[in-house]
Amino acid sequence: MPIGASVGKNGVNDLADVLVVQHLLNDWLGYTGQKLLPTTGECGTLTIAAISGYQAKVLGAGSPDGLISPGGRTWTALAAGQGARPPLSGADWWNANQAKYPNSAAVVDLVQPFRDNVAAFLKALKDAGASVTISSTRRNATRAHLMHYSWRVANGAVAPNKVPALPGLAIQWDHGDLAKSKAAAQQMVNLFQIAYEPSLTSRHIEGRAIDMTIGWSGTLKLRDKQGKAREIGAPRSGETNTDLHKLGASYGLIKLLSDPPHWSDDGR
């Protein structure tokens, strides 16, 4: 049952809403072995302290405000039972949660000035008749964390109990059995379709990179950033044509040779 107004410190604290919050907080308090709240519908110091404790311990809030707002982060987590039951892992977690952390293939999600540089380079390519398929621009930082550590746990590079926690991310890495922990992580590796260890420092996370496949037929007559016309022939691929790489650099897009579709603002 949703709450209609805020509950907690300086909240509206309608009796029915406070009762809902107290019962949900008791699910968490009971599961974690803490003293339960009296379910009176009155929002006193104990209820506010429990809200602040939930925000700090479950959501990782550095400065909990002791307030729950309808539709807010604390309410969403509390209503979903976060912290009141064992978190999901492996394929179960992926199927239930991965869609909350989408990546982007939209140029608009890049940061400035790289966004405008990319848009100008793409326009020049398309005006010249090249085909361009964009596969990735901005990468979700939480998704990158999940991919990185699922790979590392599955491959034995990090112990399951050493995976750093992210505030608000409820996932079970450590099953108390290394084989089970690695198997659950491998399920995520498979579902994420990971072929190589994902980076935590990719320029995609910062919005400073784009993955794209570029092709053309014949000779590409392309203008550089200064407007000078250039002829780009074979090989007719953005992955390997060094003349195209030099022209892209004039727009502020540097090709990373070790990663076929990858361009960034500094070549990393």
C-alpha atoms as a PDB file:
ATOM      1  CA  MET A   1       0.000   0.000   0.000  1.00  0.00           C
ATOM      2  CA  PRO A   2       1.594   3.318  -1.030  1.00  0.00           C
ATOM      3  CA  ILE A   3       1.812   6.305   1.278  1.00  0.00           C
ATOM      4  CA  GLY A   4      -0.039   9.491   0.418  1.00  0.00           C
ATOM      5  CA  ALA A   5       2.264  11.987   2.087  1.00  0.00           C
ATOM      6  CA  SER A   6       5.693  12.248   3.685  1.00  0.00           C
ATOM      7  CA  VAL A   7       6.598  10.369   6.844  1.00  0.00           C
ATOM      8  CA  GLY A   8       9.430  11.144   9.244  1.00  0.00           C
ATOM      9  CA  LYS A   9      11.320  14.225  10.338  1.00  0.00           C
ATOM     10  CA  ASN A  10       9.280  17.344   9.495  1.00  0.00           C
ATOM     11  CA  GLY A  11       6.913  15.164   7.456  1.00  0.00           C
ATOM     12  CA  VAL A  12       3.127  15.310   7.166  1.00  0.00           C
ATOM     13  CA  ASN A  13       2.919  12.092   9.209  1.00  0.00           C
ATOM     14  CA  ASP A  14      -0.688  11.060   8.611  1.00  0.00           C
ATOM     15  CA  LEU A  15      -1.563   8.157  10.877  1.00  0.00           C
ATOM     16  CA  ALA A  16      -2.296   5.662   8.072  1.00  0.00           C
ATOM     17  CA  ASP A  17       0.965   6.483   6.296  1.00  0.00           C
ATOM     18  CA  VAL A  18       3.013   6.218   9.487  1.00  0.00           C
ATOM     19  CA  LEU A  19       1.516   2.787  10.194  1.00  0.00           C
ATOM     20  CA  VAL A  20       2.514   1.549   6.734  1.00  0.00           C
ATOM     21  CA  VAL A  21       6.067   2.823   7.201  1.00  0.00           C
ATOM     22  CA  GLN A  22       6.354   1.369  10.701  1.00  0.00           C
ATOM     23  CA  HIS A  23       5.301  -2.087   9.508  1.00  0.00           C
ATOM     24  CA  LEU A  24       7.762  -1.965   6.610  1.00  0.00           C
ATOM     25  CA  LEU A  25      10.553  -0.751   8.867  1.00  0.00           C
ATOM     26  CA  ASN A  26       9.788  -3.602  11.254  1.00  0.00           C
ATOM     27  CA  ASP A  27      10.338  -6.071   8.403  1.00  0.00           C
ATOM     28  CA  TRP A  28      13.861  -4.682   8.068  1.00  0.00           C
ATOM     29  CA  LEU A  29      14.466  -4.328  11.807  1.00  0.00           C
ATOM     30  CA  GLY A  30      13.296  -7.871  12.474  1.00  0.00           C
ATOM     31  CA  TYR A  31      15.335  -9.355   9.634  1.00  0.00           C
ATOM     32  CA  THR A  32      18.480  -7.628  10.901  1.00  0.00           C
ATOM     33  CA  GLY A  33      17.857  -8.513  14.559  1.00  0.00           C
ATOM     34  CA  GLN A  34      17.044  -4.998  15.766  1.00  0.00           C
ATOM     35  CA  LYS A  35      14.348  -3.942  18.215  1.00  0.00           C
ATOM     36  CA  LEU A  36      10.954  -3.479  16.561  1.00  0.00           C
ATOM     37  CA  LEU A  37       9.023  -0.240  16.532  1.00  0.00           C
ATOM     38  CA  PRO A  38       5.698   0.080  18.321  1.00  0.00           C
ATOM     39  CA  THR A  39       3.091   0.300  15.539  1.00  0.00           C
ATOM     40  CA  THR A  40       1.087   3.185  16.945  1.00  0.00           C
ATOM     41  CA  GLY A  41       0.796   5.396  13.873  1.00  0.00           C
ATOM     42  CA  GLU A  42       2.642   8.120  15.741  1.00  0.00           C
ATOM     43  CA  CYS A  43       5.911   9.279  14.204  1.00  0.00           C
ATOM     44  CA  GLY A  44       8.149   9.857  17.185  1.00  0.00           C
ATOM     45  CA  THR A  45      11.879   9.784  17.797  1.00  0.00           C
ATOM     46  CA  LEU A  46      12.107   5.979  17.483  1.00  0.00           C
ATOM     47  CA  THR A  47      10.468   5.942  14.042  1.00  0.00           C
ATOM     48  CA  ILE A  48      12.587   8.844  12.783  1.00  0.00           C
ATOM     49  CA  ALA A  49      15.729   7.127  14.105  1.00  0.00           C
ATOM     50  CA  ALA A  50      14.695   3.905  12.328  1.00  0.00           C
ATOM     51  CA  ILE A  51      14.166   5.786   9.058  1.00  0.00           C
ATOM     52  CA  SER A  52      17.596   7.423   9.383  1.00  0.00           C
ATOM     53  CA  GLY A  53      19.157   4.058  10.229  1.00  0.00           C
ATOM     54  CA  TYR A  54      17.547   2.464   7.180  1.00  0.00           C
ATOM     55  CA  GLN A  55      18.795   5.265   4.935  1.00  0.00           C
ATOM     56  CA  ALA A  56      22.334   4.944   6.296  1.00  0.00           C
ATOM     57  CA  LYS A  57      22.669   1.158   6.482  1.00  0.00           C
ATOM     58  CA  VAL A  58      20.608   0.009   3.504  1.00  0.00           C
ATOM     59  CA  LEU A  59      20.859   2.949   1.104  1.00  0.00           C
ATOM     60  CA  GLY A  60      24.339   4.071   2.118  1.00  0.00           C
ATOM     61  CA  ALA A  61      23.273   7.666   2.757  1.00  0.00           C
ATOM     62  CA  GLY A  62      26.083   9.713   4.264  1.00  0.00           C
ATOM     63  CA  SER A  63      23.684  12.282   5.700  1.00  0.00           C
ATOM     64  CA  PRO A  64      20.292  10.601   6.211  1.00  0.00           C
ATOM     65  CA  ASP A  65      17.444  13.078   6.538  1.00  0.00           C
ATOM     66  CA  GLY A  66      15.004  10.783   8.390  1.00  0.00           C
ATOM     67  CA  LEU A  67      12.233  11.567   5.902  1.00  0.00           C
ATOM     68  CA  ILE A  68      10.343   9.272   3.521  1.00  0.00           C
ATOM     69  CA  SER A  69       8.566  10.926   0.596  1.00  0.00           C
ATOM     70  CA  PRO A  70       6.025   9.201  -1.680  1.00  0.00           C
ATOM     71  CA  GLY A  71       7.850   7.824  -4.718  1.00  0.00           C
ATOM     72  CA  GLY A  72      11.240   8.833  -3.317  1.00  0.00           C
ATOM     73  CA  ARG A  73      14.345   6.680  -3.095  1.00  0.00           C
ATOM     74  CA  THR A  74      13.772   5.613   0.514  1.00  0.00           C
ATOM     75  CA  TRP A  75      10.130   4.735  -0.092  1.00  0.00           C
ATOM     76  CA  THR A  76      10.930   2.797  -3.263  1.00  0.00           C
ATOM     77  CA  ALA A  77      13.551   0.706  -1.472  1.00  0.00           C
ATOM     78  CA  LEU A  78      11.457   0.161   1.657  1.00  0.00           C
ATOM     79  CA  ALA A  79       8.345  -0.822  -0.294  1.00  0.00           C
ATOM     80  CA  ALA A  80      10.409  -3.274  -2.358  1.00  0.00           C
ATOM     81  CA  GLY A  81      11.694  -4.945   0.797  1.00  0.00           C
ATOM     82  CA  GLN A  82      15.290  -3.911   0.215  1.00  0.00           C
ATOM     83  CA  GLY A  83      17.289  -4.860   3.290  1.00  0.00           C
ATOM     84  CA  ALA A  84      14.457  -7.016   4.653  1.00  0.00           C
ATOM     85  CA  ARG A  85      15.274 -10.134   2.683  1.00  0.00           C
ATOM     86  CA  PRO A  86      18.380 -11.647   1.095  1.00  0.00           C
ATOM     87  CA  PRO A  87      19.240  -9.778  -2.114  1.00  0.00           C
ATOM     88  CA  LEU A  88      19.042 -11.595  -5.424  1.00  0.00           C
ATOM     89  CA  SER A  89      22.090 -12.761  -7.331  1.00  0.00           C
ATOM     90  CA  GLY A  90      23.115 -14.187 -10.684  1.00  0.00           C
ATOM     91  CA  ALA A  91      20.431 -14.677 -13.312  1.00  0.00           C
ATOM     92  CA  ASP A  92      17.658 -13.845 -10.819  1.00  0.00           C
ATOM     93  CA  TRP A  93      19.200 -10.439 -10.129  1.00  0.00           C
ATOM     94  CA  TRP A  94      19.866  -9.763 -13.814  1.00  0.00           C
ATOM     95  CA  ASN A  95      16.319 -10.595 -14.896  1.00  0.00           C
ATOM     96  CA  ALA A  96      14.777  -8.505 -12.111  1.00  0.00           C
ATOM     97  CA  ASN A  97      17.050  -5.463 -12.111  1.00  0.00           C
ATOM     98  CA  GLN A  98      19.451  -4.967 -15.013  1.00  0.00           C
ATOM     99  CA  ALA A  99      16.951  -2.899 -17.000  1.00  0.00           C
ATOM    100  CA  LYS A 100      17.182  -0.211 -14.293  1.00  0.00           C
ATOM    101  CA  TYR A 101      20.754   0.525 -15.395  1.00  0.00           C
ATOM    102  CA  PRO A 102      20.618   1.006 -19.180  1.00  0.00           C
ATOM    103  CA  ASN A 103      23.463   2.111 -21.403  1.00  0.00           C
ATOM    104  CA  SER A 104      22.909   4.673 -24.141  1.00  0.00           C
ATOM    105  CA  ALA A 105      23.648   4.876 -27.844  1.00  0.00           C
ATOM    106  CA  ALA A 106      22.420   8.477 -28.100  1.00  0.00           C
ATOM    107  CA  VAL A 107      24.839  11.273 -28.979  1.00  0.00           C
ATOM    108  CA  VAL A 108      22.848  13.670 -26.786  1.00  0.00           C
ATOM    109  CA  ASP A 109      23.995  11.734 -23.702  1.00  0.00           C
ATOM    110  CA  LEU A 110      27.665  12.587 -24.313  1.00  0.00           C
ATOM    111  CA  VAL A 111      29.294  15.466 -22.433  1.00  0.00           C
ATOM    112  CA  GLN A 112      30.379  18.750 -23.955  1.00  0.00           C
ATOM    113  CA  PRO A 113      32.391  19.621 -25.943  1.00  0.00           C
ATOM    114  CA  PHE A 114      32.729  16.017 -27.113  1.00  0.00           C
ATOM    115  CA  ARG A 115      29.005  15.844 -27.921  1.00  0.00           C
ATOM    116  CA  ASP A 116      29.209  18.699 -30.435  1.00  0.00           C
ATOM    117  CA  ASN A 117      32.441  17.333 -31.891  1.00  0.00           C
ATOM    118  CA  VAL A 118      30.815  13.946 -32.457  1.00  0.00           C
ATOM    119  CA  ALA A 119      27.736  15.541 -34.018  1.00  0.00           C
ATOM    120  CA  ALA A 120      29.912  17.556 -36.430  1.00  0.00           C
ATOM    121  CA  PHE A 121      31.968  14.507 -37.423  1.00  0.00           C
ATOM    122  CA  LEU A 122      28.836  12.411 -37.957  1.00  0.00           C
ATOM    123  CA  LYS A 123      27.310  15.127 -40.134  1.00  0.00           C
ATOM    124  CA  ALA A 124      30.460  15.284 -42.253  1.00  0.00           C
ATOM    125  CA  LEU A 125      30.454  11.501 -42.661  1.00  0.00           C
ATOM    126  CA  LYS A 126      26.802  11.333 -43.630  1.00  0.00           C
ATOM    127  CA  ASP A 127      27.054  14.325 -45.975  1.00  0.00           C
ATOM    128  CA  ALA A 128      29.871  12.450 -47.738  1.00  0.00           C
ATOM    129  CA  GLY A 129      27.734   9.316 -48.084  1.00  0.00           C
ATOM    130  CA  ALA A 130      29.336   7.118 -45.403  1.00  0.00           C
ATOM    131  CA  SER A 131      27.257   4.664 -43.411  1.00  0.00           C
ATOM    132  CA  VAL A 132      27.492   4.966 -39.621  1.00  0.00           C
ATOM    133  CA  THR A 133      26.061   2.622 -36.992  1.00  0.00           C
ATOM    134  CA  ILE A 134      26.406   3.728 -33.371  1.00  0.00           C
ATOM    135  CA  SER A 135      26.476   0.925 -30.814  1.00  0.00           C
ATOM    136  CA  SER A 136      27.379   2.791 -27.613  1.00  0.00           C
ATOM    137  CA  THR A 137      27.849   6.272 -26.199  1.00  0.00           C
ATOM    138  CA  ARG A 138      27.223   6.810 -22.463  1.00  0.00           C
ATOM    139  CA  ARG A 139      27.714   3.779 -20.213  1.00  0.00           C
ATOM    140  CA  ASN A 140      25.805   3.509 -16.930  1.00  0.00           C
ATOM    141  CA  ALA A 141      28.330   3.528 -14.055  1.00  0.00           C
ATOM    142  CA  THR A 142      26.367   0.988 -12.004  1.00  0.00           C
ATOM    143  CA  ARG A 143      26.072  -1.328 -15.001  1.00  0.00           C
ATOM    144  CA  ALA A 144      29.819  -1.008 -15.571  1.00  0.00           C
ATOM    145  CA  HIS A 145      30.423  -1.932 -11.915  1.00  0.00           C
ATOM    146  CA  LEU A 146      28.190  -4.987 -12.226  1.00  0.00           C
ATOM    147  CA  MET A 147      29.806  -6.154 -15.442  1.00  0.00           C
ATOM    148  CA  HIS A 148      33.333  -5.582 -14.148  1.00  0.00           C
ATOM    149  CA  TYR A 149      32.866  -7.481 -10.897  1.00  0.00           C
ATOM    150  CA  SER A 150      30.732 -10.285 -12.309  1.00  0.00           C
ATOM    151  CA  TRP A 151      33.608 -10.969 -14.703  1.00  0.00           C
ATOM    152  CA  ARG A 152      36.235 -10.746 -11.956  1.00  0.00           C
ATOM    153  CA  VAL A 153      34.350 -12.962  -9.499  1.00  0.00           C
ATOM    154  CA  ALA A 154      33.521 -15.528 -12.190  1.00  0.00           C
ATOM    155  CA  ASN A 155      37.170 -15.700 -13.236  1.00  0.00           C
ATOM    156  CA  GLY A 156      38.584 -15.823  -9.707  1.00  0.00           C
ATOM    157  CA  ALA A 157      40.257 -12.409  -9.935  1.00  0.00           C
ATOM    158  CA  VAL A 158      38.496 -11.072  -6.825  1.00  0.00           C
ATOM    159  CA  ALA A 159      36.929 -12.820  -3.837  1.00  0.00           C
ATOM    160  CA  PRO A 160      33.121 -12.482  -3.686  1.00  0.00           C
ATOM    161  CA  ASN A 161      33.282 -10.917  -0.221  1.00  0.00           C
ATOM    162  CA  LYS A 162      35.733  -8.268  -1.471  1.00  0.00           C
ATOM    163  CA  VAL A 163      33.449  -6.743  -4.101  1.00  0.00           C
ATOM    164  CA  PRO A 164      32.917  -3.096  -3.088  1.00  0.00           C
ATOM    165  CA  ALA A 165      29.338  -2.199  -2.204  1.00  0.00           C
ATOM    166  CA  LEU A 166      27.527   0.522  -4.116  1.00  0.00           C
ATOM    167  CA  PRO A 167      24.934   2.598  -2.228  1.00  0.00           C
ATOM    168  CA  GLY A 168      21.432   1.516  -3.186  1.00  0.00           C
ATOM    169  CA  LEU A 169      22.596  -1.561  -5.123  1.00  0.00           C
ATOM    170  CA  ALA A 170      21.254  -4.730  -3.500  1.00  0.00           C
ATOM    171  CA  ILE A 171      22.978  -7.780  -4.916  1.00  0.00           C
ATOM    172  CA  GLN A 172      24.483 -10.868  -3.319  1.00  0.00           C
ATOM    173  CA  TRP A 173      27.999 -11.681  -4.492  1.00  0.00           C
ATOM    174  CA  ASP A 174      29.078 -13.935  -1.642  1.00  0.00           C
ATOM    175  CA  HIS A 175      27.131 -17.179  -1.155  1.00  0.00           C
ATOM    176  CA  GLY A 176      29.456 -18.549   1.496  1.00  0.00           C
ATOM    177  CA  ASP A 177      30.683 -21.075  -1.060  1.00  0.00           C
ATOM    178  CA  LEU A 178      33.200 -20.050  -3.701  1.00  0.00           C
ATOM    179  CA  ALA A 179      31.871 -22.387  -6.374  1.00  0.00           C
ATOM    180  CA  LYS A 180      28.298 -21.099  -5.941  1.00  0.00           C
ATOM    181  CA  SER A 181      29.473 -17.496  -5.899  1.00  0.00           C
ATOM    182  CA  LYS A 182      31.464 -17.957  -9.107  1.00  0.00           C
ATOM    183  CA  ALA A 183      28.577 -19.775 -10.775  1.00  0.00           C
ATOM    184  CA  ALA A 184      26.163 -16.923  -9.985  1.00  0.00           C
ATOM    185  CA  ALA A 185      28.655 -14.371 -11.286  1.00  0.00           C
ATOM    186  CA  GLN A 186      29.133 -16.430 -14.461  1.00  0.00           C
ATOM    187  CA  GLN A 187      25.373 -16.344 -15.052  1.00  0.00           C
ATOM    188  CA  MET A 188      25.607 -12.545 -15.130  1.00  0.00           C
ATOM    189  CA  VAL A 189      28.652 -12.658 -17.411  1.00  0.00           C
ATOM    190  CA  ASN A 190      26.647 -14.788 -19.833  1.00  0.00           C
ATOM    191  CA  LEU A 191      23.549 -12.575 -19.673  1.00  0.00           C
ATOM    192  CA  PHE A 192      25.587  -9.399 -20.129  1.00  0.00           C
ATOM    193  CA  GLN A 193      27.293 -11.171 -23.071  1.00  0.00           C
ATOM    194  CA  ILE A 194      30.736 -10.175 -21.815  1.00  0.00           C
ATOM    195  CA  ALA A 195      33.684 -11.331 -23.922  1.00  0.00           C
ATOM    196  CA  TYR A 196      36.493  -9.325 -22.277  1.00  0.00           C
ATOM    197  CA  GLU A 197      36.982  -7.883 -18.804  1.00  0.00           C
ATOM    198  CA  PRO A 198      34.910  -4.663 -18.634  1.00  0.00           C
ATOM    199  CA  SER A 199      36.686  -1.532 -17.477  1.00  0.00           C
ATOM    200  CA  LEU A 200      35.684   0.633 -14.527  1.00  0.00           C
ATOM    201  CA  THR A 201      37.476   3.632 -16.014  1.00  0.00           C
ATOM    202  CA  SER A 202      36.118   3.612 -19.560  1.00  0.00           C
ATOM    203  CA  ARG A 203      35.610   6.984 -21.203  1.00  0.00           C
ATOM    204  CA  HIS A 204      32.105   5.707 -21.971  1.00  0.00           C
ATOM    205  CA  ILE A 205      31.223   6.032 -18.283  1.00  0.00           C
ATOM    206  CA  GLU A 206      32.264   9.697 -18.408  1.00  0.00           C
ATOM    207  CA  GLY A 207      30.361  10.342 -21.641  1.00  0.00           C
ATOM    208  CA  ARG A 208      33.612  10.944 -23.526  1.00  0.00           C
ATOM    209  CA  ALA A 209      33.588   8.038 -26.004  1.00  0.00           C
ATOM    210  CA  ILE A 210      31.524   6.565 -28.807  1.00  0.00           C
ATOM    211  CA  ASP A 211      31.541   3.122 -30.416  1.00  0.00           C
ATOM    212  CA  MET A 212      30.549   3.232 -34.070  1.00  0.00           C
ATOM    213  CA  THR A 213      31.001   1.247 -37.245  1.00  0.00           C
ATOM    214  CA  ILE A 214      31.831   3.364 -40.303  1.00  0.00           C
ATOM    215  CA  GLY A 215      31.841   2.143 -43.898  1.00  0.00           C
ATOM    216  CA  TRP A 216      31.648   3.501 -47.451  1.00  0.00           C
ATOM    217  CA  SER A 217      32.058   2.533 -51.072  1.00  0.00           C
ATOM    218  CA  GLY A 218      34.359   4.117 -53.624  1.00  0.00           C
ATOM    219  CA  THR A 219      36.198   7.229 -52.498  1.00  0.00           C
ATOM    220  CA  LEU A 220      34.829   9.224 -49.592  1.00  0.00           C
ATOM    221  CA  LYS A 221      35.059  12.988 -50.140  1.00  0.00           C
ATOM    222  CA  LEU A 222      35.014  14.264 -46.607  1.00  0.00           C
ATOM    223  CA  ARG A 223      35.623  17.702 -45.107  1.00  0.00           C
ATOM    224  CA  ASP A 224      37.789  18.076 -42.016  1.00  0.00           C
ATOM    225  CA  LYS A 225      36.919  20.375 -39.108  1.00  0.00           C
ATOM    226  CA  GLN A 226      38.495  23.334 -40.930  1.00  0.00           C
ATOM    227  CA  GLY A 227      36.318  22.663 -43.984  1.00  0.00           C
ATOM    228  CA  LYS A 228      39.114  21.350 -46.211  1.00  0.00           C
ATOM    229  CA  ALA A 229      38.009  18.512 -48.516  1.00  0.00           C
ATOM    230  CA  ARG A 230      39.827  15.205 -48.163  1.00  0.00           C
ATOM    231  CA  GLU A 231      39.601  12.026 -50.202  1.00  0.00           C
ATOM    232  CA  ILE A 232      39.418   8.801 -48.193  1.00  0.00           C
ATOM    233  CA  GLY A 233      39.732   5.546 -50.106  1.00  0.00           C
ATOM    234  CA  ALA A 234      40.639   2.000 -49.063  1.00  0.00           C
ATOM    235  CA  PRO A 235      40.520   0.330 -46.650  1.00  0.00           C
ATOM    236  CA  ARG A 236      36.860   1.304 -46.485  1.00  0.00           C
ATOM    237  CA  SER A 237      36.416   0.820 -42.767  1.00  0.00           C
ATOM    238  CA  GLY A 238      36.497   3.199 -39.837  1.00  0.00           C
ATOM    239  CA  GLU A 239      38.362   0.534 -37.894  1.00  0.00           C
ATOM    240  CA  THR A 240      41.518   0.495 -39.998  1.00  0.00           C
ATOM    241  CA  ASN A 241      41.666   3.545 -42.276  1.00  0.00           C
ATOM    242  CA  THR A 242      44.380   5.771 -40.813  1.00  0.00           C
ATOM    243  CA  ASP A 243      43.480   8.678 -43.119  1.00  0.00           C
ATOM    244  CA  LEU A 244      40.000   8.672 -41.622  1.00  0.00           C
ATOM    245  CA  HIS A 245      41.506   8.508 -38.133  1.00  0.00           C
ATOM    246  CA  LYS A 246      43.552  11.637 -38.854  1.00  0.00           C
ATOM    247  CA  LEU A 247      40.494  13.424 -40.189  1.00  0.00           C
ATOM    248  CA  GLY A 248      38.473  12.388 -37.135  1.00  0.00           C
ATOM    249  CA  ALA A 249      41.200  13.827 -34.923  1.00  0.00           C
ATOM    250  CA  SER A 250      40.597  17.230 -36.509  1.00  0.00           C
ATOM    251  CA  TYR A 251      37.101  17.045 -34.972  1.00  0.00           C
ATOM    252  CA  GLY A 252      38.453  15.990 -31.571  1.00  0.00           C
ATOM    253  CA  LEU A 253      37.709  12.255 -32.006  1.00  0.00           C
ATOM    254  CA  ILE A 254      40.749  10.078 -31.417  1.00  0.00           C
ATOM    255  CA  LYS A 255      40.682   6.454 -32.586  1.00  0.00           C
ATOM    256  CA  LEU A 256      41.678   3.714 -30.142  1.00  0.00           C
ATOM    257  CA  LEU A 257      43.350   1.197 -32.461  1.00  0.00           C
ATOM    258  CA  SER A 258      43.078  -1.728 -30.048  1.00  0.00           C
ATOM    259  CA  ASP A 259      39.277  -1.411 -29.872  1.00  0.00           C
ATOM    260  CA  PRO A 260      37.781  -1.544 -33.395  1.00  0.00           C
ATOM    261  CA  PRO A 261      34.677   0.669 -32.978  1.00  0.00           C
ATOM    262  CA  HIS A 262      35.990   2.951 -30.203  1.00  0.00           C
ATOM    263  CA  TRP A 263      36.652   6.704 -30.532  1.00  0.00           C
ATOM    264  CA  SER A 264      37.109   9.119 -27.635  1.00  0.00           C
ATOM    265  CA  ASP A 265      38.312  12.606 -26.820  1.00  0.00           C
ATOM    266  CA  ASP A 266      41.770  11.362 -25.796  1.00  0.00           C
ATOM    267  CA  GLY A 267      42.182   7.974 -27.495  1.00  0.00           C
ATOM    268  CA  ARG A 268      41.464   5.955 -24.370  1.00  0.00           C
END
